[in-house]
Protein backbone atom coordinates (compact mmCIF):
# COMPACT_ATOMS: atom_id res chain seq x y z
CA MET A 1 20.84 85.55 52.01
CA LEU A 2 23.38 83.21 52.13
CA ALA A 3 26.31 85.34 50.62
CA ALA A 4 25.42 87.37 53.87
CA ALA A 5 25.61 84.83 55.85
CA VAL A 6 28.87 83.53 54.19
CA ALA A 7 30.41 87.27 54.36
CA GLY A 8 29.38 87.80 57.75
CA TYR A 9 31.12 84.94 59.35
CA LEU A 10 34.32 85.38 57.44
CA ILE A 11 34.56 89.21 58.57
CA GLY A 12 33.75 87.75 62.26
CA THR A 13 37.02 85.74 62.04
CA LEU A 14 38.95 88.59 61.85
CA PRO A 15 41.68 88.02 64.70
CA SER A 16 41.61 91.31 65.98
CA ALA A 17 42.87 90.36 69.47
CA ASP A 18 45.35 88.14 68.04
CA VAL A 19 46.59 90.99 65.83
CA ALA A 20 47.23 93.42 68.99
CA ALA A 21 48.82 90.81 70.99
CA ARG A 22 51.56 90.61 67.73
CA LEU A 23 52.28 94.12 67.33
CA ALA A 24 51.59 95.06 71.37
CA THR A 25 54.50 92.11 72.12
CA GLY A 26 56.21 91.10 68.89
CA GLY A 27 54.33 87.36 69.47
CA ASP A 28 55.58 86.60 73.01
CA ILE A 29 51.60 86.52 74.70
CA ASP A 30 49.10 84.42 73.45
CA LEU A 31 46.10 85.89 74.69
CA ARG A 32 44.22 82.42 74.83
CA ALA A 33 46.97 80.71 76.94
CA THR A 34 47.18 84.14 79.21
CA GLY A 35 44.62 85.20 81.87
CA SER A 36 40.78 84.29 80.98
CA GLY A 37 42.01 82.50 78.25
CA ASN A 38 39.97 84.67 76.06
CA PRO A 39 40.69 86.33 72.90
CA GLY A 40 39.12 89.60 73.47
CA ALA A 41 38.92 92.88 74.67
CA ALA A 42 39.02 92.36 78.63
CA ASN A 43 41.95 90.36 78.80
CA ALA A 44 44.14 92.45 76.01
CA MET A 45 43.50 95.04 78.50
CA SER A 46 45.06 93.24 81.49
CA ALA A 47 47.49 91.31 79.60
CA LEU A 48 48.62 94.19 76.97
CA GLY A 49 47.10 97.12 78.21
CA THR A 50 44.40 99.39 78.76
CA GLY A 51 45.28 101.17 75.12
CA TRP A 52 45.49 97.92 73.16
CA GLY A 53 42.24 96.63 74.91
CA TRP A 54 40.46 99.91 74.08
CA GLY A 55 41.75 99.36 70.53
CA VAL A 56 40.38 95.19 70.45
CA LEU A 57 37.13 96.27 71.89
CA ALA A 58 37.00 99.41 68.44
CA ALA A 59 38.06 96.56 65.86
CA ASP A 60 35.48 94.06 67.34
CA ILE A 61 32.63 96.14 67.76
CA ALA A 62 33.64 97.32 63.98
CA LYS A 63 33.60 94.05 62.73
CA GLY A 64 30.19 93.17 64.03
CA ALA A 65 28.95 96.53 62.37
CA GLY A 66 31.17 96.41 59.27
CA ALA A 67 29.23 92.76 58.78
CA CYS A 68 25.77 94.19 58.70
CA VAL A 69 26.80 96.70 56.07
CA LEU A 70 27.84 95.19 53.86
CA GLY A 71 24.96 92.17 54.26
CA ALA A 72 22.16 94.85 53.92
CA ARG A 73 24.17 95.53 50.36
CA LEU A 74 23.63 91.72 49.51
CA ALA A 75 20.28 90.92 50.83
CA GLY A 76 18.67 94.31 52.37
CA GLY A 77 17.49 94.75 55.71
CA ALA A 78 17.44 90.38 56.93
CA GLY A 79 20.58 90.37 55.04
CA ALA A 80 22.38 92.93 57.81
CA ASP A 81 20.25 90.79 60.32
CA ILE A 82 22.15 87.38 59.19
CA ALA A 83 25.49 89.18 58.41
CA GLY A 84 25.65 90.66 61.83
CA SER A 85 24.53 87.04 63.28
CA ALA A 86 26.84 85.29 61.41
CA ALA A 87 29.67 87.60 62.44
CA VAL A 88 29.22 86.69 66.03
CA VAL A 89 29.28 83.14 65.21
CA GLY A 90 32.43 83.59 62.97
CA HIS A 91 34.31 85.98 65.79
CA CYS A 92 33.42 82.75 68.76
CA TYR A 93 33.98 79.77 66.36
CA PRO A 94 36.50 81.26 64.11
CA VAL A 95 37.77 78.64 61.67
CA TRP A 96 41.04 79.33 61.23
CA ASN A 97 41.74 78.84 65.12
CA GLY A 98 40.52 75.71 65.44
CA PHE A 99 36.87 77.25 66.38
CA ARG A 100 38.56 79.04 69.55
CA GLY A 101 37.33 82.63 69.76
CA GLY A 102 35.83 85.34 71.97
CA LYS A 103 32.68 85.76 73.58
CA GLY A 104 31.31 87.65 71.40
CA VAL A 105 30.06 90.57 73.42
CA ALA A 106 31.78 93.75 71.26
CA VAL A 107 30.79 92.38 68.37
CA SER A 108 27.44 91.75 69.05
CA SER A 109 27.35 95.23 69.85
CA GLY A 110 28.63 96.35 66.52
CA GLN A 111 25.70 94.34 64.88
CA CYS A 112 23.21 96.36 67.46
CA LEU A 113 25.17 99.88 66.31
CA ALA A 114 23.73 98.97 62.38
CA THR A 115 20.31 97.28 62.82
CA PHE A 116 19.13 98.32 66.29
CA PRO A 117 20.36 101.92 67.12
CA ALA A 118 17.88 102.99 69.41
CA TYR A 119 18.82 100.19 71.66
CA PHE A 120 22.54 100.56 70.94
CA PRO A 121 23.32 103.13 74.46
CA ILE A 122 21.97 100.18 76.55
CA ASP A 123 23.51 97.04 74.56
CA LEU A 124 26.77 99.49 74.46
CA THR A 125 26.64 99.92 78.55
CA VAL A 126 25.94 96.56 79.01
CA ALA A 127 28.93 95.06 77.19
CA LEU A 128 31.42 97.01 78.65
CA VAL A 129 30.03 96.35 82.44
CA VAL A 130 29.51 92.22 82.01
CA ALA A 131 32.90 92.44 80.56
CA ARG A 132 34.56 93.45 83.85
CA ILE A 133 31.88 91.23 85.86
CA ARG A 134 33.71 88.26 87.50
CA GLY A 135 31.96 85.40 88.83
CA ARG A 136 28.45 86.51 87.76
CA ALA A 137 28.87 86.94 84.03
CA LEU A 138 26.56 84.12 82.94
CA PRO A 139 23.68 85.68 84.46
CA ALA A 140 24.46 88.82 83.84
CA THR A 141 24.82 87.87 79.83
CA ALA A 142 21.47 85.76 80.42
CA VAL A 143 19.69 89.22 81.38
CA ALA A 144 20.96 91.80 79.05
CA SER A 145 20.24 89.00 75.68
CA ALA A 146 16.40 88.83 76.96
CA VAL A 147 16.53 92.39 77.47
CA TRP A 148 17.96 92.53 73.89
CA VAL A 149 15.62 90.14 72.30
CA ALA A 150 12.53 91.58 74.23
CA SER A 151 13.41 95.01 72.82
CA ALA A 152 14.11 94.51 69.53
CA ALA A 153 10.63 92.18 68.80
CA LEU A 154 8.73 95.34 70.71
CA TRP A 155 10.47 97.87 67.95
CA TRP A 156 9.38 95.34 65.46
CA ARG A 157 5.64 94.90 66.82
CA ARG A 158 5.05 98.33 67.26
CA GLY A 159 7.30 99.86 64.84
CA TRP A 160 9.02 102.81 66.55
CA PRO A 161 11.93 104.47 65.09
CA ASN A 162 15.09 103.14 64.59
CA GLY A 163 17.39 105.61 63.45
CA TRP A 164 19.65 105.36 60.83
CA ALA A 165 18.55 101.49 60.59
CA GLY A 166 14.98 102.09 59.39
CA ARG A 167 11.98 100.51 60.45
CA ALA A 168 12.66 97.22 62.51
CA GLY A 169 11.46 94.14 60.59
CA PRO A 170 10.84 90.59 61.91
CA THR A 171 14.43 89.23 61.20
CA LEU A 172 15.31 91.82 63.95
CA PRO A 173 14.74 89.94 67.16
CA GLY A 174 15.37 86.56 65.21
CA ALA A 175 18.85 88.11 64.87
CA ALA A 176 18.86 89.37 68.60
CA ALA A 177 18.25 85.86 69.62
CA VAL A 178 20.47 83.92 67.54
CA THR A 179 23.70 86.22 68.47
CA SER A 180 22.56 85.60 72.43
CA ALA A 181 22.21 81.87 72.28
CA VAL A 182 25.55 82.00 70.51
CA ILE A 183 27.51 84.25 73.24
CA MET A 184 25.40 82.43 76.21
CA VAL A 185 27.09 78.94 74.68
CA ARG A 186 30.34 80.99 75.19
CA PHE A 187 30.05 81.90 78.48
CA ASP A 188 28.65 79.02 79.55
CA ALA A 189 31.97 77.02 78.08
CA ALA A 190 34.56 79.64 80.32
CA ALA A 191 32.19 79.10 83.25
CA ARG A 192 33.00 75.49 82.79
CA GLN A 193 36.58 76.05 81.81
CA ALA A 194 36.60 78.20 85.01
CA ARG A 195 35.56 75.20 87.74
CA ARG A 196 37.45 72.51 86.17
CA SER A 197 40.82 75.02 86.62
CA PRO A 198 40.31 76.93 90.01
CA VAL A 199 42.59 79.45 90.66
CA PRO A 200 45.37 77.72 92.99
CA GLU A 201 45.24 79.20 97.20
CA PRO A 202 48.68 80.46 97.75
CA GLU A 203 50.55 78.68 100.28
CA ARG A 204 50.06 79.36 104.01
CA GLU A 205 53.62 81.04 105.53
CA PRO A 206 54.10 79.43 109.12
CA GLU A 207 52.61 80.67 111.64
CA SER A 208 55.78 79.55 114.12
CA GLU A 209 59.15 78.73 114.35
CA SER A 210 57.65 74.92 114.99
CA GLU A 211 55.77 74.42 111.77
CA ALA A 212 58.58 75.87 110.03
CA ALA A 213 61.06 72.81 111.08
CA PRO A 214 60.96 69.81 109.07
């Protein structure tokens, strides 16, 4: 279990957005200092272009899924759940970048794809919508997280089919809760930062010659 957690965290720290920025601009753009300041797919789309943004999204989803696959090899289904949540923690708080990472939404989608494929279509849709919401991302994420955790608990208790991941275990809702909590903390921090650094209002042009005169 410990090995699964460590492996998942290390996979999560892989800097997909930073690599994309370096490849696209030769290092001229730092996503942590550009746009929203978030090294994720949405900011990459805005700063680097749509193609690069989709590439970052795919890479982050792959990080979450890959961590779960490795975790399953190390410690079975519980290892997959633990490694998936650890990957989200690693993405959001990478030790190599001063614990300044992304928000974890795409990585959590990869986690869901590997451990909860029955719910993945819903999760992916929510991730894409939340990534584009401005001003209401925090409450939208809270609702999405609650639905994910509740669905995982329901699948576990009812023993419903869960695709290639097999029957859901008790660690599935637990992992969903841990991942959701980490993402909520990141979104709350981003909202607080936005309130501390409001976008400056544009200068008003003088309405008459008298206003323009010194």
